[in-house]
């Protein structure tokens, strides 16, 4: 039971970004490349915090799963109840912190697509069409975009210059 609750909570955290995408079903805020890049230091800081909390939650879940396996394999051998309660509390607290941190990131208008990889999408208009500017933790700037249904695998490189650096005329990112 404890294992199922923990795994359910972690699955709900993993699916949080997808649920947010459905709710937003395209944003009322569209980012230019420059606007999105201005947020990167803040987003990066929050992502690193979320990743730390996720590592804590994952490690606690592994411990809880091992304890559940020992109970089943050894047939009635019970680990320390206080240790299990402590580990479960650590997992639950870390899970809550993940949700809080993701919420802070998404309140900026961008979408967390993957905590582990540090993938973030910024709603944008590209050539007049709704799309996402795509950034991955560790990239210095936003250099890619993808369509609404394409995801990370469908990333395409933006033009070399940012919209502010482009010559007058229609720009790729609006």
N, C-alpha and C. Protein backbone atom coordinates (compact mmCIF):
# COMPACT_ATOMS: atom_id res chain seq x y z
N UNK A 1 0.83 -1.20 0.00
CA UNK A 1 0.00 0.00 0.00
C UNK A 1 0.87 1.25 0.00
N UNK A 2 1.88 1.30 0.91
CA UNK A 2 2.76 2.45 1.00
C UNK A 2 3.51 2.65 -0.32
N UNK A 3 3.96 1.52 -0.88
CA UNK A 3 4.68 1.57 -2.15
C UNK A 3 3.80 2.14 -3.25
N UNK A 4 2.55 1.69 -3.32
CA UNK A 4 1.63 2.15 -4.36
C UNK A 4 1.36 3.65 -4.22
N UNK A 5 1.18 4.12 -2.97
CA UNK A 5 0.94 5.54 -2.75
C UNK A 5 2.14 6.37 -3.19
N UNK A 6 3.34 5.90 -2.85
CA UNK A 6 4.55 6.63 -3.22
C UNK A 6 4.74 6.69 -4.72
N UNK A 7 4.55 5.54 -5.36
CA UNK A 7 4.71 5.50 -6.81
C UNK A 7 3.65 6.35 -7.48
N UNK A 8 2.44 6.34 -6.92
CA UNK A 8 1.37 7.17 -7.46
C UNK A 8 1.72 8.65 -7.36
N UNK A 9 2.27 9.04 -6.22
CA UNK A 9 2.65 10.44 -6.02
C UNK A 9 3.76 10.84 -7.01
N UNK A 10 4.77 9.96 -7.19
CA UNK A 10 5.84 10.26 -8.13
C UNK A 10 5.33 10.32 -9.56
N UNK A 11 4.39 9.41 -9.91
CA UNK A 11 3.80 9.46 -11.26
C UNK A 11 3.04 10.75 -11.46
N UNK A 12 2.35 11.21 -10.42
CA UNK A 12 1.59 12.45 -10.56
C UNK A 12 2.54 13.63 -10.75
N UNK A 13 3.69 13.59 -10.10
CA UNK A 13 4.68 14.66 -10.29
C UNK A 13 5.23 14.60 -11.70
N UNK A 14 5.54 13.39 -12.18
CA UNK A 14 6.08 13.24 -13.53
C UNK A 14 5.07 13.73 -14.57
N UNK A 15 3.78 13.52 -14.32
CA UNK A 15 2.76 13.93 -15.27
C UNK A 15 2.30 15.36 -15.09
N UNK A 16 2.86 16.05 -14.11
CA UNK A 16 2.44 17.41 -13.80
C UNK A 16 2.58 18.33 -15.01
N UNK A 17 3.71 18.26 -15.70
CA UNK A 17 3.93 19.14 -16.85
C UNK A 17 2.92 18.86 -17.95
N UNK A 18 2.63 17.60 -18.22
CA UNK A 18 1.66 17.27 -19.26
C UNK A 18 0.27 17.79 -18.89
N UNK A 19 -0.09 17.67 -17.62
CA UNK A 19 -1.39 18.17 -17.19
C UNK A 19 -1.44 19.68 -17.35
N UNK A 20 -0.36 20.37 -17.03
CA UNK A 20 -0.32 21.82 -17.17
C UNK A 20 -0.49 22.21 -18.63
N UNK A 21 0.11 21.45 -19.54
CA UNK A 21 -0.01 21.76 -20.96
C UNK A 21 -1.47 21.68 -21.39
N UNK A 22 -2.18 20.67 -20.92
CA UNK A 22 -3.59 20.55 -21.28
C UNK A 22 -4.40 21.72 -20.74
N UNK A 23 -4.09 22.16 -19.53
CA UNK A 23 -4.83 23.27 -18.92
C UNK A 23 -4.54 24.56 -19.69
N UNK A 24 -3.29 24.75 -20.04
CA UNK A 24 -2.93 26.00 -20.71
C UNK A 24 -3.44 26.00 -22.14
N UNK A 25 -3.37 24.86 -22.81
CA UNK A 25 -3.83 24.67 -24.18
C UNK A 25 -3.68 25.93 -25.00
N UNK A 26 -2.79 26.41 -25.09
CA UNK A 26 -1.89 27.45 -25.54
C UNK A 26 -2.09 28.70 -24.73
N UNK A 27 -0.99 29.21 -24.43
CA UNK A 27 -0.87 30.29 -23.48
C UNK A 27 -1.43 31.60 -23.99
N UNK A 28 -1.81 32.44 -23.04
CA UNK A 28 -2.20 33.80 -23.39
C UNK A 28 -0.95 34.66 -23.50
N UNK A 29 0.20 34.14 -23.04
CA UNK A 29 1.48 34.85 -23.10
C UNK A 29 2.37 34.15 -24.09
N UNK A 30 2.87 34.90 -25.04
CA UNK A 30 3.85 34.37 -25.98
C UNK A 30 5.17 35.06 -25.73
N UNK A 31 6.23 34.27 -25.66
CA UNK A 31 7.56 34.80 -25.38
C UNK A 31 8.32 35.06 -26.66
N UNK A 32 9.01 36.19 -26.70
CA UNK A 32 10.03 36.37 -27.73
C UNK A 32 11.26 35.62 -27.23
N UNK A 33 12.19 35.39 -28.08
CA UNK A 33 13.43 34.71 -27.67
C UNK A 33 14.11 35.52 -26.57
N UNK A 34 14.15 36.82 -26.73
CA UNK A 34 14.81 37.69 -25.74
C UNK A 34 14.11 37.59 -24.38
N UNK A 35 12.78 37.65 -24.37
CA UNK A 35 12.03 37.56 -23.11
C UNK A 35 12.30 36.22 -22.41
N UNK A 36 12.28 35.15 -23.18
CA UNK A 36 12.52 33.83 -22.61
C UNK A 36 13.93 33.72 -22.04
N UNK A 37 14.89 34.24 -22.78
CA UNK A 37 16.28 34.17 -22.32
C UNK A 37 16.52 34.99 -21.06
N UNK A 38 15.74 36.04 -20.87
CA UNK A 38 15.86 36.84 -19.65
C UNK A 38 15.47 36.02 -18.42
N UNK A 39 14.61 35.04 -18.59
CA UNK A 39 14.16 34.20 -17.47
C UNK A 39 15.09 33.03 -17.18
N UNK A 40 16.01 32.72 -18.07
CA UNK A 40 16.82 31.51 -17.92
C UNK A 40 17.57 31.41 -16.59
N UNK A 41 18.20 32.48 -16.08
CA UNK A 41 18.89 32.32 -14.78
C UNK A 41 17.94 31.90 -13.66
N UNK A 42 16.76 32.48 -13.61
CA UNK A 42 15.77 32.12 -12.60
C UNK A 42 15.28 30.69 -12.80
N UNK A 43 14.96 30.35 -14.04
CA UNK A 43 14.47 29.00 -14.36
C UNK A 43 15.54 27.97 -14.01
N UNK A 44 16.78 28.26 -14.35
CA UNK A 44 17.88 27.33 -14.07
C UNK A 44 18.00 27.07 -12.57
N UNK A 45 17.92 28.12 -11.78
CA UNK A 45 18.01 27.99 -10.33
C UNK A 45 16.88 27.10 -9.80
N UNK A 46 15.65 27.38 -10.23
CA UNK A 46 14.51 26.57 -9.80
C UNK A 46 14.64 25.12 -10.25
N UNK A 47 15.09 24.90 -11.49
CA UNK A 47 15.23 23.54 -12.00
C UNK A 47 16.20 22.73 -11.17
N UNK A 48 17.31 23.34 -10.79
CA UNK A 48 18.31 22.63 -9.99
C UNK A 48 17.73 22.26 -8.62
N UNK A 49 16.94 23.14 -8.05
CA UNK A 49 16.27 22.83 -6.77
C UNK A 49 15.29 21.67 -6.96
N UNK A 50 14.51 21.71 -8.02
CA UNK A 50 13.55 20.63 -8.29
C UNK A 50 14.28 19.31 -8.50
N UNK A 51 15.42 19.33 -9.20
CA UNK A 51 16.18 18.11 -9.42
C UNK A 51 16.71 17.54 -8.11
N UNK A 52 17.17 18.41 -7.21
CA UNK A 52 17.65 17.94 -5.91
C UNK A 52 16.53 17.27 -5.13
N UNK A 53 15.36 17.91 -5.11
CA UNK A 53 14.22 17.32 -4.41
C UNK A 53 13.79 16.00 -5.06
N UNK A 54 13.88 15.92 -6.37
CA UNK A 54 13.50 14.69 -7.06
C UNK A 54 14.47 13.56 -6.71
N UNK A 55 15.75 13.87 -6.62
CA UNK A 55 16.72 12.85 -6.23
C UNK A 55 16.42 12.33 -4.82
N UNK A 56 16.05 13.24 -3.93
CA UNK A 56 15.69 12.84 -2.57
C UNK A 56 14.45 11.95 -2.58
N UNK A 57 13.44 12.35 -3.33
CA UNK A 57 12.20 11.56 -3.41
C UNK A 57 12.47 10.20 -4.03
N UNK A 58 13.26 10.17 -5.09
CA UNK A 58 13.57 8.90 -5.76
C UNK A 58 14.34 7.96 -4.83
N UNK A 59 15.33 8.50 -4.10
CA UNK A 59 16.12 7.67 -3.18
C UNK A 59 15.23 7.11 -2.07
N UNK A 60 14.35 7.93 -1.54
CA UNK A 60 13.44 7.46 -0.49
C UNK A 60 12.51 6.39 -1.04
N UNK A 61 12.02 6.57 -2.27
CA UNK A 61 11.13 5.57 -2.87
C UNK A 61 11.86 4.25 -3.06
N UNK A 62 13.12 4.28 -3.44
CA UNK A 62 13.91 3.05 -3.59
C UNK A 62 14.00 2.33 -2.25
N UNK A 63 14.26 3.08 -1.19
CA UNK A 63 14.34 2.48 0.15
C UNK A 63 13.01 1.86 0.56
N UNK A 64 11.93 2.55 0.30
CA UNK A 64 10.61 2.01 0.64
C UNK A 64 10.31 0.76 -0.17
N UNK A 65 10.67 0.76 -1.43
CA UNK A 65 10.45 -0.42 -2.28
C UNK A 65 11.28 -1.61 -1.80
N UNK A 66 12.53 -1.35 -1.39
CA UNK A 66 13.38 -2.42 -0.85
C UNK A 66 12.77 -3.00 0.41
N UNK A 67 12.26 -2.13 1.26
CA UNK A 67 11.64 -2.59 2.51
C UNK A 67 10.42 -3.45 2.20
N UNK A 68 9.60 -3.03 1.24
CA UNK A 68 8.42 -3.81 0.87
C UNK A 68 8.83 -5.17 0.32
N UNK A 69 9.89 -5.22 -0.47
CA UNK A 69 10.38 -6.49 -1.02
C UNK A 69 10.89 -7.41 0.09
N UNK A 70 11.62 -6.83 1.04
CA UNK A 70 12.13 -7.64 2.16
C UNK A 70 10.98 -8.25 2.94
N UNK A 71 9.95 -7.47 3.16
CA UNK A 71 8.79 -7.97 3.90
C UNK A 71 8.17 -9.16 3.16
N UNK A 72 8.01 -9.01 1.86
CA UNK A 72 7.38 -10.08 1.07
C UNK A 72 8.27 -11.31 0.97
N UNK A 73 9.56 -11.12 0.74
CA UNK A 73 10.48 -12.24 0.56
C UNK A 73 10.71 -12.98 1.87
N UNK A 74 10.87 -12.25 2.93
CA UNK A 74 11.19 -12.88 4.22
C UNK A 74 9.94 -13.33 4.96
N UNK A 75 8.77 -13.03 4.43
CA UNK A 75 7.53 -13.52 5.00
C UNK A 75 7.32 -13.14 6.45
N UNK A 76 7.05 -11.92 6.69
CA UNK A 76 6.73 -11.50 8.04
C UNK A 76 7.85 -10.76 8.73
N UNK A 77 8.98 -10.61 8.10
CA UNK A 77 10.06 -9.83 8.70
C UNK A 77 9.79 -8.36 8.43
N UNK A 78 9.66 -7.61 9.50
CA UNK A 78 9.30 -6.21 9.34
C UNK A 78 10.46 -5.29 9.68
N UNK A 79 10.76 -4.35 8.80
CA UNK A 79 11.79 -3.35 9.13
C UNK A 79 11.26 -2.41 10.20
N UNK A 80 12.13 -1.64 10.73
CA UNK A 80 11.76 -0.69 11.77
C UNK A 80 10.65 0.24 11.27
N UNK A 81 9.55 0.24 12.01
CA UNK A 81 8.42 1.08 11.64
C UNK A 81 8.81 2.55 11.64
N UNK A 82 9.58 2.98 12.61
CA UNK A 82 9.99 4.40 12.68
C UNK A 82 10.85 4.79 11.48
N UNK A 83 11.70 3.85 11.02
CA UNK A 83 12.51 4.13 9.83
C UNK A 83 11.64 4.29 8.59
N UNK A 84 10.63 3.42 8.48
CA UNK A 84 9.73 3.50 7.33
C UNK A 84 8.94 4.81 7.35
N UNK A 85 8.45 5.19 8.50
CA UNK A 85 7.69 6.44 8.63
C UNK A 85 8.57 7.63 8.27
N UNK A 86 9.81 7.61 8.75
CA UNK A 86 10.75 8.71 8.45
C UNK A 86 11.04 8.78 6.94
N UNK A 87 11.29 7.64 6.34
CA UNK A 87 11.60 7.61 4.90
C UNK A 87 10.40 8.06 4.08
N UNK A 88 9.22 7.60 4.47
CA UNK A 88 8.00 8.02 3.76
C UNK A 88 7.80 9.52 3.90
N UNK A 89 8.04 10.07 5.08
CA UNK A 89 7.90 11.52 5.29
C UNK A 89 8.90 12.30 4.44
N UNK A 90 10.12 11.78 4.34
CA UNK A 90 11.14 12.43 3.50
C UNK A 90 10.70 12.44 2.04
N UNK A 91 10.18 11.29 1.58
CA UNK A 91 9.71 11.20 0.20
C UNK A 91 8.56 12.17 -0.05
N UNK A 92 7.60 12.17 0.85
CA UNK A 92 6.43 13.02 0.68
C UNK A 92 6.79 14.50 0.72
N UNK A 93 7.68 14.86 1.63
CA UNK A 93 8.10 16.26 1.72
C UNK A 93 8.86 16.68 0.46
N UNK A 94 9.75 15.83 -0.03
CA UNK A 94 10.48 16.14 -1.27
C UNK A 94 9.51 16.26 -2.44
N UNK A 95 8.51 15.39 -2.49
CA UNK A 95 7.51 15.44 -3.56
C UNK A 95 6.74 16.75 -3.53
N UNK A 96 6.37 17.19 -2.35
CA UNK A 96 5.67 18.48 -2.22
C UNK A 96 6.55 19.63 -2.68
N UNK A 97 7.83 19.57 -2.35
CA UNK A 97 8.76 20.63 -2.76
C UNK A 97 8.94 20.65 -4.28
N UNK A 98 8.91 19.47 -4.89
CA UNK A 98 9.00 19.40 -6.36
C UNK A 98 7.81 20.15 -6.97
N UNK A 99 6.62 19.83 -6.50
CA UNK A 99 5.42 20.47 -7.02
C UNK A 99 5.48 21.98 -6.81
N UNK A 100 5.89 22.40 -5.63
CA UNK A 100 6.00 23.85 -5.34
C UNK A 100 6.98 24.52 -6.30
N UNK A 101 8.11 23.88 -6.53
CA UNK A 101 9.14 24.47 -7.40
C UNK A 101 8.68 24.50 -8.85
N UNK A 102 8.06 23.44 -9.32
CA UNK A 102 7.53 23.41 -10.69
C UNK A 102 6.47 24.50 -10.85
N UNK A 103 5.64 24.66 -9.84
CA UNK A 103 4.61 25.70 -9.90
C UNK A 103 5.25 27.08 -10.04
N UNK A 104 6.31 27.34 -9.29
CA UNK A 104 7.00 28.63 -9.39
C UNK A 104 7.55 28.84 -10.80
N UNK A 105 8.11 27.79 -11.38
CA UNK A 105 8.64 27.91 -12.75
C UNK A 105 7.50 28.21 -13.71
N UNK A 106 6.42 27.46 -13.61
CA UNK A 106 5.33 27.60 -14.56
C UNK A 106 4.54 28.88 -14.37
N UNK A 107 4.64 29.49 -13.20
CA UNK A 107 4.01 30.79 -12.99
C UNK A 107 4.64 31.88 -13.85
N UNK A 108 5.85 31.63 -14.34
CA UNK A 108 6.49 32.60 -15.24
C UNK A 108 5.88 32.54 -16.63
N UNK A 109 5.12 31.47 -16.92
CA UNK A 109 4.50 31.32 -18.23
C UNK A 109 5.11 30.22 -19.07
N UNK A 110 6.23 29.65 -18.61
CA UNK A 110 6.85 28.56 -19.37
C UNK A 110 6.36 27.23 -18.82
N UNK A 111 6.71 26.15 -19.51
CA UNK A 111 6.25 24.82 -19.14
C UNK A 111 7.44 23.91 -18.86
N UNK A 112 7.39 23.21 -17.73
CA UNK A 112 8.41 22.22 -17.41
C UNK A 112 8.01 20.94 -18.13
N UNK A 113 8.88 20.46 -18.99
CA UNK A 113 8.57 19.25 -19.75
C UNK A 113 9.25 18.02 -19.15
N UNK A 114 10.44 18.19 -18.55
CA UNK A 114 11.16 17.06 -17.96
C UNK A 114 12.11 17.60 -16.90
N UNK A 115 11.89 17.19 -15.65
CA UNK A 115 12.75 17.67 -14.57
C UNK A 115 14.15 17.10 -14.70
N UNK A 116 14.26 15.79 -14.93
CA UNK A 116 15.57 15.14 -14.98
C UNK A 116 16.46 15.74 -16.06
N UNK A 117 15.89 15.95 -17.23
CA UNK A 117 16.66 16.50 -18.35
C UNK A 117 16.73 18.03 -18.30
N UNK A 118 15.87 18.64 -17.52
CA UNK A 118 15.84 20.10 -17.44
C UNK A 118 15.27 20.72 -18.70
N UNK A 119 14.20 20.13 -19.23
CA UNK A 119 13.58 20.64 -20.47
C UNK A 119 12.47 21.62 -20.14
N UNK A 120 12.54 22.77 -20.79
CA UNK A 120 11.57 23.84 -20.59
C UNK A 120 11.09 24.32 -21.96
N UNK A 121 9.78 24.54 -22.08
CA UNK A 121 9.19 25.12 -23.29
C UNK A 121 8.59 26.48 -22.96
N UNK A 122 8.77 27.41 -23.88
CA UNK A 122 8.20 28.75 -23.76
C UNK A 122 7.21 28.93 -24.90
N UNK A 123 5.94 29.14 -24.61
CA UNK A 123 4.98 29.39 -25.69
C UNK A 123 5.43 30.59 -26.52
N UNK A 124 5.32 30.45 -27.83
CA UNK A 124 5.77 31.51 -28.72
C UNK A 124 4.98 31.44 -30.02
N UNK A 125 5.19 32.45 -30.84
CA UNK A 125 4.67 32.44 -32.20
C UNK A 125 5.86 32.39 -33.14
N UNK A 126 5.85 31.42 -34.01
CA UNK A 126 6.94 31.28 -34.99
C UNK A 126 6.29 31.27 -36.36
N UNK A 127 6.67 32.27 -37.14
CA UNK A 127 6.08 32.47 -38.46
C UNK A 127 4.55 32.51 -38.36
N UNK A 128 4.06 33.15 -37.31
CA UNK A 128 2.63 33.34 -37.11
C UNK A 128 1.89 32.14 -36.53
N UNK A 129 2.59 31.05 -36.28
CA UNK A 129 1.98 29.83 -35.75
C UNK A 129 2.40 29.62 -34.29
N UNK A 130 1.47 29.07 -33.50
CA UNK A 130 1.81 28.74 -32.13
C UNK A 130 2.85 27.63 -32.11
N UNK A 131 3.87 27.81 -31.28
CA UNK A 131 4.95 26.84 -31.18
C UNK A 131 5.61 27.04 -29.82
N UNK A 132 6.66 26.29 -29.56
CA UNK A 132 7.40 26.42 -28.32
C UNK A 132 8.86 26.71 -28.61
N UNK A 133 9.40 27.71 -27.91
CA UNK A 133 10.84 27.87 -27.84
C UNK A 133 11.29 26.81 -26.85
N UNK A 134 12.34 26.09 -27.17
CA UNK A 134 12.74 24.93 -26.39
C UNK A 134 14.13 25.15 -25.80
N UNK A 135 14.27 24.92 -24.50
CA UNK A 135 15.55 25.09 -23.82
C UNK A 135 15.81 23.90 -22.93
N UNK A 136 17.07 23.51 -22.87
CA UNK A 136 17.50 22.40 -22.01
C UNK A 136 18.56 22.92 -21.06
N UNK A 137 18.44 22.54 -19.79
CA UNK A 137 19.41 22.94 -18.78
C UNK A 137 20.82 22.67 -19.27
N UNK A 138 21.66 23.68 -19.17
CA UNK A 138 23.04 23.56 -19.64
C UNK A 138 23.28 24.32 -20.94
N UNK A 139 22.21 24.58 -21.70
CA UNK A 139 22.37 25.37 -22.92
C UNK A 139 22.49 26.84 -22.52
N UNK A 140 23.39 27.55 -23.17
CA UNK A 140 23.64 28.96 -22.83
C UNK A 140 22.48 29.86 -23.20
N UNK A 141 21.81 29.54 -24.28
CA UNK A 141 20.69 30.36 -24.72
C UNK A 141 19.67 29.49 -25.43
N UNK A 142 18.57 30.09 -25.79
CA UNK A 142 17.53 29.35 -26.50
C UNK A 142 17.87 29.34 -27.98
N UNK A 143 18.12 28.15 -28.50
CA UNK A 143 18.52 28.02 -29.90
C UNK A 143 17.58 27.13 -30.71
N UNK A 144 16.53 26.59 -30.04
CA UNK A 144 15.66 25.65 -30.73
C UNK A 144 14.19 25.97 -30.49
N UNK A 145 13.36 25.44 -31.37
CA UNK A 145 11.92 25.54 -31.23
C UNK A 145 11.32 24.24 -31.76
N UNK A 146 10.06 24.01 -31.42
CA UNK A 146 9.34 22.87 -31.99
C UNK A 146 7.85 23.17 -32.00
N UNK A 147 7.14 22.47 -32.85
CA UNK A 147 5.69 22.63 -32.96
C UNK A 147 5.00 22.09 -31.72
N UNK A 148 3.72 22.35 -31.62
CA UNK A 148 2.96 21.96 -30.43
C UNK A 148 2.96 20.46 -30.20
N UNK A 149 2.98 19.68 -31.24
CA UNK A 149 2.90 18.22 -31.11
C UNK A 149 4.25 17.53 -31.29
N UNK A 150 5.30 18.28 -31.61
CA UNK A 150 6.57 17.67 -31.97
C UNK A 150 7.42 17.22 -30.78
N UNK A 151 7.48 17.99 -29.74
CA UNK A 151 8.30 17.65 -28.59
C UNK A 151 9.79 17.78 -28.87
N UNK A 152 10.58 17.35 -27.90
CA UNK A 152 12.03 17.51 -27.96
C UNK A 152 12.63 16.89 -29.21
N UNK A 153 12.14 15.73 -29.60
CA UNK A 153 12.69 15.04 -30.77
C UNK A 153 12.50 15.84 -32.06
N UNK A 154 11.51 16.74 -32.07
CA UNK A 154 11.24 17.53 -33.27
C UNK A 154 11.85 18.92 -33.23
N UNK A 155 12.82 19.12 -32.36
CA UNK A 155 13.44 20.45 -32.24
C UNK A 155 14.09 20.87 -33.55
N UNK A 156 13.91 22.15 -33.84
CA UNK A 156 14.53 22.75 -35.03
C UNK A 156 15.33 23.96 -34.56
N UNK A 157 16.44 24.21 -35.22
CA UNK A 157 17.28 25.34 -34.84
C UNK A 157 16.63 26.65 -35.26
N UNK A 158 16.66 27.62 -34.34
CA UNK A 158 16.20 28.97 -34.66
C UNK A 158 17.21 29.62 -35.59
N UNK A 159 16.79 30.69 -36.25
CA UNK A 159 17.74 31.48 -37.04
C UNK A 159 18.87 31.90 -36.12
N UNK A 160 20.05 32.15 -36.69
CA UNK A 160 21.22 32.50 -35.89
C UNK A 160 21.01 33.73 -35.02
N UNK A 161 20.45 34.78 -35.54
CA UNK A 161 20.26 36.00 -34.76
C UNK A 161 18.97 35.95 -33.98
N UNK A 162 18.96 36.61 -32.84
CA UNK A 162 17.72 36.72 -32.09
C UNK A 162 16.84 37.73 -32.81
N UNK A 163 15.54 37.77 -32.52
CA UNK A 163 14.66 38.70 -33.23
C UNK A 163 15.13 40.15 -33.10
N UNK A 164 15.71 40.48 -31.96
CA UNK A 164 16.17 41.85 -31.78
C UNK A 164 17.37 42.18 -32.66
N UNK A 165 18.12 41.13 -33.07
CA UNK A 165 19.29 41.34 -33.90
C UNK A 165 18.97 41.24 -35.38
N UNK A 166 17.76 40.81 -35.70
CA UNK A 166 17.41 40.58 -37.10
C UNK A 166 17.19 41.88 -37.84
N UNK A 167 17.41 41.87 -39.14
CA UNK A 167 17.12 43.06 -39.93
C UNK A 167 15.61 43.31 -39.97
N UNK A 168 15.20 44.54 -40.32
CA UNK A 168 13.77 44.83 -40.40
C UNK A 168 13.08 43.87 -41.36
N UNK A 169 11.83 43.62 -41.10
CA UNK A 169 11.06 42.69 -41.91
C UNK A 169 10.51 41.58 -41.03
N UNK A 170 9.80 40.63 -41.62
CA UNK A 170 9.21 39.59 -40.81
C UNK A 170 10.28 38.76 -40.11
N UNK A 171 10.11 38.52 -38.83
CA UNK A 171 11.07 37.71 -38.11
C UNK A 171 10.50 36.31 -37.90
N UNK A 172 11.36 35.38 -37.68
CA UNK A 172 10.95 34.00 -37.47
C UNK A 172 10.24 33.84 -36.14
N UNK A 173 10.78 34.42 -35.09
CA UNK A 173 10.17 34.35 -33.77
C UNK A 173 9.51 35.69 -33.49
N UNK A 174 8.25 35.65 -33.11
CA UNK A 174 7.51 36.90 -32.86
C UNK A 174 7.23 37.05 -31.39
